[in-house]
Amino acid sequence: MSALWIAHVTVTDADAYGRYAALAGPVIAAHGGVFLARATRYVQLEGNARARNVVARFPSVEDAVACYNSAGYQAALEHAKGAAERDLVIVEENPV
């Protein structure tokens, strides 16, 4: 089953986070990830608001986890450390 990679982000260093995003996008795509939403309009109904919200669909939970753990993504992630406060979860989609 497909899976959603859902990130809620507050960027604290736009330049460094921009480097992360530029490097992470191709790695995510190489693992079958397709962006569904990136920093688009949102409505916070509960919990802590984060100005940037990202949703990507992967073929499976395993593909999403493999992407996160890949050398390419970990290299990209070095630019996000200290440049953002992030929450990231991978959720398996339910067939309807």
PDB file of N, CA and C in Angstrom:
ATOM      1  N   MET A   1       0.829  -1.188   0.000  1.00  0.00           N
ATOM      2  CA  MET A   1       0.000   0.000   0.000  1.00  0.00           C
ATOM      3  C   MET A   1       0.872   1.249   0.000  1.00  0.00           C
ATOM      4  N   SER A   2       0.371   2.282  -0.610  1.00  0.00           N
ATOM      5  CA  SER A   2       1.112   3.542  -0.652  1.00  0.00           C
ATOM      6  C   SER A   2       1.162   4.183   0.735  1.00  0.00           C
ATOM      7  N   ALA A   3       2.068   5.145   0.869  1.00  0.00           N
ATOM      8  CA  ALA A   3       2.266   5.799   2.158  1.00  0.00           C
ATOM      9  C   ALA A   3       2.455   7.291   1.944  1.00  0.00           C
ATOM     10  N   LEU A   4       2.066   8.062   2.951  1.00  0.00           N
ATOM     11  CA  LEU A   4       2.239   9.511   2.933  1.00  0.00           C
ATOM     12  C   LEU A   4       3.350   9.908   3.892  1.00  0.00           C
ATOM     13  N   TRP A   5       4.240  10.737   3.405  1.00  0.00           N
ATOM     14  CA  TRP A   5       5.319  11.345   4.188  1.00  0.00           C
ATOM     15  C   TRP A   5       4.793  12.733   4.507  1.00  0.00           C
ATOM     16  N   ILE A   6       4.564  13.023   5.770  1.00  0.00           N
ATOM     17  CA  ILE A   6       3.948  14.280   6.170  1.00  0.00           C
ATOM     18  C   ILE A   6       4.915  15.023   7.094  1.00  0.00           C
ATOM     19  N   ALA A   7       5.315  16.207   6.662  1.00  0.00           N
ATOM     20  CA  ALA A   7       6.245  17.021   7.441  1.00  0.00           C
ATOM     21  C   ALA A   7       5.591  18.348   7.789  1.00  0.00           C
ATOM     22  N   HIS A   8       5.748  18.751   9.028  1.00  0.00           N
ATOM     23  CA  HIS A   8       5.298  20.052   9.512  1.00  0.00           C
ATOM     24  C   HIS A   8       6.561  20.788   9.943  1.00  0.00           C
ATOM     25  N   VAL A   9       6.794  21.961   9.354  1.00  0.00           N
ATOM     26  CA  VAL A   9       8.099  22.607   9.489  1.00  0.00           C
ATOM     27  C   VAL A   9       7.964  24.087   9.821  1.00  0.00           C
ATOM     28  N   THR A  10       8.801  24.556  10.735  1.00  0.00           N
ATOM     29  CA  THR A  10       9.016  25.979  10.953  1.00  0.00           C
ATOM     30  C   THR A  10      10.463  26.240  10.551  1.00  0.00           C
ATOM     31  N   VAL A  11      10.649  27.002   9.491  1.00  0.00           N
ATOM     32  CA  VAL A  11      11.988  27.309   8.982  1.00  0.00           C
ATOM     33  C   VAL A  11      12.578  28.454   9.801  1.00  0.00           C
ATOM     34  N   THR A  12      13.808  28.255  10.286  1.00  0.00           N
ATOM     35  CA  THR A  12      14.494  29.285  11.057  1.00  0.00           C
ATOM     36  C   THR A  12      15.691  29.869  10.305  1.00  0.00           C
ATOM     37  N   ASP A  13      16.145  29.194   9.258  1.00  0.00           N
ATOM     38  CA  ASP A  13      17.242  29.679   8.406  1.00  0.00           C
ATOM     39  C   ASP A  13      16.867  29.339   6.963  1.00  0.00           C
ATOM     40  N   ALA A  14      16.304  30.317   6.263  1.00  0.00           N
ATOM     41  CA  ALA A  14      15.764  30.080   4.920  1.00  0.00           C
ATOM     42  C   ALA A  14      16.832  29.636   3.923  1.00  0.00           C
ATOM     43  N   ASP A  15      18.024  30.190   4.000  1.00  0.00           N
ATOM     44  CA  ASP A  15      19.075  29.816   3.054  1.00  0.00           C
ATOM     45  C   ASP A  15      19.484  28.353   3.222  1.00  0.00           C
ATOM     46  N   ALA A  16      19.755  27.951   4.455  1.00  0.00           N
ATOM     47  CA  ALA A  16      20.151  26.566   4.718  1.00  0.00           C
ATOM     48  C   ALA A  16      19.015  25.608   4.381  1.00  0.00           C
ATOM     49  N   TYR A  17      17.798  25.991   4.731  1.00  0.00           N
ATOM     50  CA  TYR A  17      16.666  25.103   4.439  1.00  0.00           C
ATOM     51  C   TYR A  17      16.431  25.005   2.936  1.00  0.00           C
ATOM     52  N   GLY A  18      16.697  26.076   2.221  1.00  0.00           N
ATOM     53  CA  GLY A  18      16.603  26.039   0.767  1.00  0.00           C
ATOM     54  C   GLY A  18      17.581  25.051   0.168  1.00  0.00           C
ATOM     55  N   ARG A  19      18.792  24.986   0.723  1.00  0.00           N
ATOM     56  CA  ARG A  19      19.771  23.991   0.259  1.00  0.00           C
ATOM     57  C   ARG A  19      19.269  22.586   0.532  1.00  0.00           C
ATOM     58  N   TYR A  20      18.687  22.373   1.726  1.00  0.00           N
ATOM     59  CA  TYR A  20      18.099  21.070   2.037  1.00  0.00           C
ATOM     60  C   TYR A  20      17.036  20.704   0.999  1.00  0.00           C
ATOM     61  N   ALA A  21      16.103  21.610   0.747  1.00  0.00           N
ATOM     62  CA  ALA A  21      14.993  21.325  -0.170  1.00  0.00           C
ATOM     63  C   ALA A  21      15.495  21.023  -1.575  1.00  0.00           C
ATOM     64  N   ALA A  22      16.500  21.760  -2.035  1.00  0.00           N
ATOM     65  CA  ALA A  22      17.039  21.546  -3.373  1.00  0.00           C
ATOM     66  C   ALA A  22      17.670  20.160  -3.509  1.00  0.00           C
ATOM     67  N   LEU A  23      18.315  19.699  -2.453  1.00  0.00           N
ATOM     68  CA  LEU A  23      18.946  18.371  -2.478  1.00  0.00           C
ATOM     69  C   LEU A  23      17.955  17.254  -2.201  1.00  0.00           C
ATOM     70  N   ALA A  24      16.998  17.499  -1.322  1.00  0.00           N
ATOM     71  CA  ALA A  24      16.065  16.446  -0.917  1.00  0.00           C
ATOM     72  C   ALA A  24      15.068  16.093  -2.012  1.00  0.00           C
ATOM     73  N   GLY A  25      14.607  17.068  -2.774  1.00  0.00           N
ATOM     74  CA  GLY A  25      13.594  16.817  -3.795  1.00  0.00           C
ATOM     75  C   GLY A  25      13.963  15.709  -4.761  1.00  0.00           C
ATOM     76  N   PRO A  26      15.142  15.754  -5.382  1.00  0.00           N
ATOM     77  CA  PRO A  26      15.517  14.681  -6.306  1.00  0.00           C
ATOM     78  C   PRO A  26      15.661  13.315  -5.634  1.00  0.00           C
ATOM     79  N   VAL A  27      16.116  13.293  -4.388  1.00  0.00           N
ATOM     80  CA  VAL A  27      16.244  12.020  -3.664  1.00  0.00           C
ATOM     81  C   VAL A  27      14.862  11.433  -3.404  1.00  0.00           C
ATOM     82  N   ILE A  28      13.933  12.276  -2.994  1.00  0.00           N
ATOM     83  CA  ILE A  28      12.559  11.826  -2.755  1.00  0.00           C
ATOM     84  C   ILE A  28      11.972  11.267  -4.043  1.00  0.00           C
ATOM     85  N   ALA A  29      12.156  11.969  -5.161  1.00  0.00           N
ATOM     86  CA  ALA A  29      11.649  11.499  -6.451  1.00  0.00           C
ATOM     87  C   ALA A  29      12.292  10.173  -6.857  1.00  0.00           C
ATOM     88  N   ALA A  30      13.584  10.014  -6.599  1.00  0.00           N
ATOM     89  CA  ALA A  30      14.289   8.784  -6.952  1.00  0.00           C
ATOM     90  C   ALA A  30      13.767   7.572  -6.184  1.00  0.00           C
ATOM     91  N   HIS A  31      13.158   7.810  -5.034  1.00  0.00           N
ATOM     92  CA  HIS A  31      12.576   6.730  -4.235  1.00  0.00           C
ATOM     93  C   HIS A  31      11.076   6.569  -4.501  1.00  0.00           C
ATOM     94  N   GLY A  32      10.600   7.186  -5.555  1.00  0.00           N
ATOM     95  CA  GLY A  32       9.180   7.043  -5.922  1.00  0.00           C
ATOM     96  C   GLY A  32       8.269   8.047  -5.267  1.00  0.00           C
ATOM     97  N   GLY A  33       8.827   9.026  -4.560  1.00  0.00           N
ATOM     98  CA  GLY A  33       8.010  10.030  -3.890  1.00  0.00           C
ATOM     99  C   GLY A  33       7.483  11.073  -4.858  1.00  0.00           C
ATOM    100  N   VAL A  34       6.226  11.438  -4.678  1.00  0.00           N
ATOM    101  CA  VAL A  34       5.570  12.465  -5.488  1.00  0.00           C
ATOM    102  C   VAL A  34       4.972  13.477  -4.518  1.00  0.00           C
ATOM    103  N   PHE A  35       5.324  14.754  -4.684  1.00  0.00           N
ATOM    104  CA  PHE A  35       4.791  15.777  -3.796  1.00  0.00           C
ATOM    105  C   PHE A  35       3.322  16.055  -4.102  1.00  0.00           C
ATOM    106  N   LEU A  36       2.516  16.044  -3.058  1.00  0.00           N
ATOM    107  CA  LEU A  36       1.092  16.373  -3.162  1.00  0.00           C
ATOM    108  C   LEU A  36       0.819  17.782  -2.674  1.00  0.00           C
ATOM    109  N   ALA A  37       1.603  18.241  -1.700  1.00  0.00           N
ATOM    110  CA  ALA A  37       1.453  19.599  -1.157  1.00  0.00           C
ATOM    111  C   ALA A  37       2.799  20.034  -0.603  1.00  0.00           C
ATOM    112  N   ARG A  38       3.142  21.296  -0.872  1.00  0.00           N
ATOM    113  CA  ARG A  38       4.374  21.879  -0.316  1.00  0.00           C
ATOM    114  C   ARG A  38       4.100  23.342  -0.010  1.00  0.00           C
ATOM    115  N   ALA A  39       4.036  23.653   1.284  1.00  0.00           N
ATOM    116  CA  ALA A  39       3.886  25.035   1.742  1.00  0.00           C
ATOM    117  C   ALA A  39       2.676  25.731   1.133  1.00  0.00           C
ATOM    118  N   THR A  40       1.633  24.964   0.879  1.00  0.00           N
ATOM    119  CA  THR A  40       0.415  25.553   0.334  1.00  0.00           C
ATOM    120  C   THR A  40      -0.472  26.056   1.468  1.00  0.00           C
ATOM    121  N   ARG A  41      -1.559  26.657   1.114  1.00  0.00           N
ATOM    122  CA  ARG A  41      -2.514  27.177   2.086  1.00  0.00           C
ATOM    123  C   ARG A  41      -2.991  26.057   3.013  1.00  0.00           C
ATOM    124  N   TYR A  42      -3.132  26.381   4.286  1.00  0.00           N
ATOM    125  CA  TYR A  42      -3.602  25.392   5.246  1.00  0.00           C
ATOM    126  C   TYR A  42      -4.421  26.069   6.326  1.00  0.00           C
ATOM    127  N   VAL A  43      -5.169  25.279   7.078  1.00  0.00           N
ATOM    128  CA  VAL A  43      -5.948  25.749   8.222  1.00  0.00           C
ATOM    129  C   VAL A  43      -5.564  24.869   9.401  1.00  0.00           C
ATOM    130  N   GLN A  44      -5.015  25.460  10.440  1.00  0.00           N
ATOM    131  CA  GLN A  44      -4.624  24.724  11.638  1.00  0.00           C
ATOM    132  C   GLN A  44      -5.830  24.631  12.559  1.00  0.00           C
ATOM    133  N   LEU A  45      -6.306  23.435  12.817  1.00  0.00           N
ATOM    134  CA  LEU A  45      -7.480  23.257  13.665  1.00  0.00           C
ATOM    135  C   LEU A  45      -7.123  22.815  15.082  1.00  0.00           C
ATOM    136  N   GLU A  46      -6.045  22.068  15.220  1.00  0.00           N
ATOM    137  CA  GLU A  46      -5.605  21.618  16.536  1.00  0.00           C
ATOM    138  C   GLU A  46      -4.089  21.521  16.540  1.00  0.00           C
ATOM    139  N   GLY A  47      -3.508  21.500  17.715  1.00  0.00           N
ATOM    140  CA  GLY A  47      -2.069  21.304  17.840  1.00  0.00           C
ATOM    141  C   GLY A  47      -1.276  22.553  17.496  1.00  0.00           C
ATOM    142  N   ASN A  48       0.015  22.350  17.283  1.00  0.00           N
ATOM    143  CA  ASN A  48       0.944  23.440  17.026  1.00  0.00           C
ATOM    144  C   ASN A  48       1.049  23.729  15.537  1.00  0.00           C
ATOM    145  N   ALA A  49       0.861  24.976  15.162  1.00  0.00           N
ATOM    146  CA  ALA A  49       0.957  25.370  13.758  1.00  0.00           C
ATOM    147  C   ALA A  49       2.413  25.415  13.323  1.00  0.00           C
ATOM    148  N   ARG A  50       2.667  24.988  12.113  1.00  0.00           N
ATOM    149  CA  ARG A  50       3.960  25.110  11.453  1.00  0.00           C
ATOM    150  C   ARG A  50       3.678  25.763  10.110  1.00  0.00           C
ATOM    151  N   ALA A  51       4.449  26.755   9.751  1.00  0.00           N
ATOM    152  CA  ALA A  51       4.167  27.539   8.548  1.00  0.00           C
ATOM    153  C   ALA A  51       4.339  26.747   7.262  1.00  0.00           C
ATOM    154  N   ARG A  52       5.164  25.703   7.278  1.00  0.00           N
ATOM    155  CA  ARG A  52       5.412  24.914   6.068  1.00  0.00           C
ATOM    156  C   ARG A  52       4.934  23.489   6.316  1.00  0.00           C
ATOM    157  N   ASN A  53       4.068  23.019   5.455  1.00  0.00           N
ATOM    158  CA  ASN A  53       3.550  21.656   5.548  1.00  0.00           C
ATOM    159  C   ASN A  53       3.795  20.970   4.212  1.00  0.00           C
ATOM    160  N   VAL A  54       4.337  19.758   4.270  1.00  0.00           N
ATOM    161  CA  VAL A  54       4.707  19.030   3.061  1.00  0.00           C
ATOM    162  C   VAL A  54       4.104  17.630   3.133  1.00  0.00           C
ATOM    163  N   VAL A  55       3.487  17.208   2.019  1.00  0.00           N
ATOM    164  CA  VAL A  55       2.946  15.856   1.911  1.00  0.00           C
ATOM    165  C   VAL A  55       3.472  15.253   0.615  1.00  0.00           C
ATOM    166  N   ALA A  56       4.074  14.080   0.723  1.00  0.00           N
ATOM    167  CA  ALA A  56       4.535  13.345  -0.452  1.00  0.00           C
ATOM    168  C   ALA A  56       4.000  11.926  -0.372  1.00  0.00           C
ATOM    169  N   ARG A  57       3.638  11.375  -1.514  1.00  0.00           N
ATOM    170  CA  ARG A  57       3.165   9.981  -1.565  1.00  0.00           C
ATOM    171  C   ARG A  57       4.298   9.102  -2.085  1.00  0.00           C
ATOM    172  N   PHE A  58       4.503   7.982  -1.402  1.00  0.00           N
ATOM    173  CA  PHE A  58       5.482   6.978  -1.796  1.00  0.00           C
ATOM    174  C   PHE A  58       4.750   5.673  -2.114  1.00  0.00           C
ATOM    175  N   PRO A  59       5.371   4.794  -2.888  1.00  0.00           N
ATOM    176  CA  PRO A  59       4.722   3.514  -3.205  1.00  0.00           C
ATOM    177  C   PRO A  59       4.412   2.663  -1.967  1.00  0.00           C
ATOM    178  N   SER A  60       5.227   2.805  -0.909  1.00  0.00           N
ATOM    179  CA  SER A  60       5.010   2.012   0.308  1.00  0.00           C
ATOM    180  C   SER A  60       5.695   2.685   1.485  1.00  0.00           C
ATOM    181  N   VAL A  61       5.359   2.246   2.684  1.00  0.00           N
ATOM    182  CA  VAL A  61       6.041   2.718   3.885  1.00  0.00           C
ATOM    183  C   VAL A  61       7.532   2.408   3.778  1.00  0.00           C
ATOM    184  N   GLU A  62       7.833   1.215   3.275  1.00  0.00           N
ATOM    185  CA  GLU A  62       9.228   0.804   3.161  1.00  0.00           C
ATOM    186  C   GLU A  62      10.020   1.729   2.230  1.00  0.00           C
ATOM    187  N   ASP A  63       9.398   2.138   1.125  1.00  0.00           N
ATOM    188  CA  ASP A  63      10.074   3.064   0.207  1.00  0.00           C
ATOM    189  C   ASP A  63      10.327   4.409   0.873  1.00  0.00           C
ATOM    190  N   ALA A  64       9.353   4.901   1.633  1.00  0.00           N
ATOM    191  CA  ALA A  64       9.509   6.183   2.319  1.00  0.00           C
ATOM    192  C   ALA A  64      10.611   6.106   3.371  1.00  0.00           C
ATOM    193  N   VAL A  65      10.653   5.028   4.123  1.00  0.00           N
ATOM    194  CA  VAL A  65      11.686   4.851   5.144  1.00  0.00           C
ATOM    195  C   VAL A  65      13.056   4.701   4.485  1.00  0.00           C
ATOM    196  N   ALA A  66      13.125   3.948   3.382  1.00  0.00           N
ATOM    197  CA  ALA A  66      14.390   3.791   2.663  1.00  0.00           C
ATOM    198  C   ALA A  66      14.887   5.138   2.150  1.00  0.00           C
ATOM    199  N   CYS A  67      13.983   5.983   1.688  1.00  0.00           N
ATOM    200  CA  CYS A  67      14.354   7.322   1.248  1.00  0.00           C
ATOM    201  C   CYS A  67      14.962   8.094   2.404  1.00  0.00           C
ATOM    202  N   TYR A  68      14.278   8.126   3.533  1.00  0.00           N
ATOM    203  CA  TYR A  68      14.759   8.868   4.696  1.00  0.00           C
ATOM    204  C   TYR A  68      16.144   8.388   5.115  1.00  0.00           C
ATOM    205  N   ASN A  69      16.355   7.092   5.094  1.00  0.00           N
ATOM    206  CA  ASN A  69      17.613   6.519   5.558  1.00  0.00           C
ATOM    207  C   ASN A  69      18.715   6.537   4.502  1.00  0.00           C
ATOM    208  N   SER A  70      18.401   6.918   3.274  1.00  0.00           N
ATOM    209  CA  SER A  70      19.386   6.893   2.194  1.00  0.00           C
ATOM    210  C   SER A  70      20.501   7.918   2.435  1.00  0.00           C
ATOM    211  N   ALA A  71      21.650   7.631   1.862  1.00  0.00           N
ATOM    212  CA  ALA A  71      22.792   8.533   1.992  1.00  0.00           C
ATOM    213  C   ALA A  71      22.467   9.903   1.405  1.00  0.00           C
ATOM    214  N   GLY A  72      21.761   9.937   0.287  1.00  0.00           N
ATOM    215  CA  GLY A  72      21.418  11.205  -0.347  1.00  0.00           C
ATOM    216  C   GLY A  72      20.519  12.065   0.515  1.00  0.00           C
ATOM    217  N   TYR A  73      19.500  11.449   1.120  1.00  0.00           N
ATOM    218  CA  TYR A  73      18.601  12.230   1.961  1.00  0.00           C
ATOM    219  C   TYR A  73      19.295  12.672   3.240  1.00  0.00           C
ATOM    220  N   GLN A  74      20.101  11.808   3.812  1.00  0.00           N
ATOM    221  CA  GLN A  74      20.810  12.180   5.034  1.00  0.00           C
ATOM    222  C   GLN A  74      21.782  13.333   4.776  1.00  0.00           C
ATOM    223  N   ALA A  75      22.390  13.354   3.587  1.00  0.00           N
ATOM    224  CA  ALA A  75      23.261  14.478   3.227  1.00  0.00           C
ATOM    225  C   ALA A  75      22.446  15.764   3.114  1.00  0.00           C
ATOM    226  N   ALA A  76      21.273  15.684   2.497  1.00  0.00           N
ATOM    227  CA  ALA A  76      20.398  16.847   2.394  1.00  0.00           C
ATOM    228  C   ALA A  76      19.958  17.310   3.778  1.00  0.00           C
ATOM    229  N   LEU A  77      19.633  16.359   4.632  1.00  0.00           N
ATOM    230  CA  LEU A  77      19.124  16.653   5.963  1.00  0.00           C
ATOM    231  C   LEU A  77      20.135  17.431   6.813  1.00  0.00           C
ATOM    232  N   GLU A  78      21.409  17.282   6.539  1.00  0.00           N
ATOM    233  CA  GLU A  78      22.428  18.043   7.269  1.00  0.00           C
ATOM    234  C   GLU A  78      22.177  19.546   7.164  1.00  0.00           C
ATOM    235  N   HIS A  79      21.630  19.996   6.019  1.00  0.00           N
ATOM    236  CA  HIS A  79      21.349  21.425   5.836  1.00  0.00           C
ATOM    237  C   HIS A  79      20.117  21.870   6.638  1.00  0.00           C
ATOM    238  N   ALA A  80      19.212  20.939   6.928  1.00  0.00           N
ATOM    239  CA  ALA A  80      17.997  21.278   7.676  1.00  0.00           C
ATOM    240  C   ALA A  80      18.252  21.335   9.176  1.00  0.00           C
ATOM    241  N   LYS A  81      19.259  20.606   9.636  1.00  0.00           N
ATOM    242  CA  LYS A  81      19.567  20.611  11.070  1.00  0.00           C
ATOM    243  C   LYS A  81      19.977  22.001  11.500  1.00  0.00           C
ATOM    244  N   GLY A  82      19.312  22.531  12.498  1.00  0.00           N
ATOM    245  CA  GLY A  82      19.580  23.873  12.967  1.00  0.00           C
ATOM    246  C   GLY A  82      18.940  24.960  12.114  1.00  0.00           C
ATOM    247  N   ALA A  83      18.313  24.561  11.000  1.00  0.00           N
ATOM    248  CA  ALA A  83      17.673  25.520  10.096  1.00  0.00           C
ATOM    249  C   ALA A  83      16.161  25.426  10.148  1.00  0.00           C
ATOM    250  N   ALA A  84      15.651  24.471  10.944  1.00  0.00           N
ATOM    251  CA  ALA A  84      14.206  24.283  11.007  1.00  0.00           C
ATOM    252  C   ALA A  84      13.836  23.443  12.214  1.00  0.00           C
ATOM    253  N   GLU A  85      12.609  23.650  12.665  1.00  0.00           N
ATOM    254  CA  GLU A  85      11.984  22.753  13.637  1.00  0.00           C
ATOM    255  C   GLU A  85      11.014  21.909  12.827  1.00  0.00           C
ATOM    256  N   ARG A  86      11.144  20.594  12.912  1.00  0.00           N
ATOM    257  CA  ARG A  86      10.373  19.712  12.036  1.00  0.00           C
ATOM    258  C   ARG A  86       9.726  18.574  12.810  1.00  0.00           C
ATOM    259  N   ASP A  87       8.570  18.192  12.342  1.00  0.00           N
ATOM    260  CA  ASP A  87       7.923  16.953  12.749  1.00  0.00           C
ATOM    261  C   ASP A  87       7.705  16.188  11.453  1.00  0.00           C
ATOM    262  N   LEU A  88       8.048  14.919  11.441  1.00  0.00           N
ATOM    263  CA  LEU A  88       7.912  14.099  10.231  1.00  0.00           C
ATOM    264  C   LEU A  88       7.303  12.762  10.610  1.00  0.00           C
ATOM    265  N   VAL A  89       6.294  12.351   9.870  1.00  0.00           N
ATOM    266  CA  VAL A  89       5.660  11.056  10.099  1.00  0.00           C
ATOM    267  C   VAL A  89       5.389  10.430   8.737  1.00  0.00           C
ATOM    268  N   ILE A  90       5.459   9.101   8.702  1.00  0.00           N
ATOM    269  CA  ILE A  90       5.095   8.343   7.512  1.00  0.00           C
ATOM    270  C   ILE A  90       3.868   7.521   7.879  1.00  0.00           C
ATOM    271  N   VAL A  91       2.814   7.651   7.079  1.00  0.00           N
ATOM    272  CA  VAL A  91       1.543   7.001   7.378  1.00  0.00           C
ATOM    273  C   VAL A  91       1.111   6.160   6.181  1.00  0.00           C
ATOM    274  N   GLU A  92       0.823   4.901   6.422  1.00  0.00           N
ATOM    275  CA  GLU A  92       0.331   4.046   5.348  1.00  0.00           C
ATOM    276  C   GLU A  92      -1.090   4.463   4.992  1.00  0.00           C
ATOM    277  N   GLU A  93      -1.361   4.555   3.696  1.00  0.00           N
ATOM    278  CA  GLU A  93      -2.705   4.927   3.248  1.00  0.00           C
ATOM    279  C   GLU A  93      -3.642   3.730   3.324  1.00  0.00           C
ATOM    280  N   ASN A  94      -4.883   3.999   3.639  1.00  0.00           N
ATOM    281  CA  ASN A  94      -5.923   2.974   3.634  1.00  0.00           C
ATOM    282  C   ASN A  94      -6.613   2.973   2.286  1.00  0.00           C
ATOM    283  N   PRO A  95      -6.800   1.803   1.710  1.00  0.00           N
ATOM    284  CA  PRO A  95      -7.585   1.783   0.478  1.00  0.00           C
ATOM    285  C   PRO A  95      -9.050   2.119   0.799  1.00  0.00           C
ATOM    286  N   VAL A  96      -9.646   2.871  -0.067  1.00  0.00           N
ATOM    287  CA  VAL A  96     -11.041   3.280   0.168  1.00  0.00           C
ATOM    288  C   VAL A  96     -11.976   2.351  -0.549  1.00  0.00           C
TER     289      VAL A  96
END
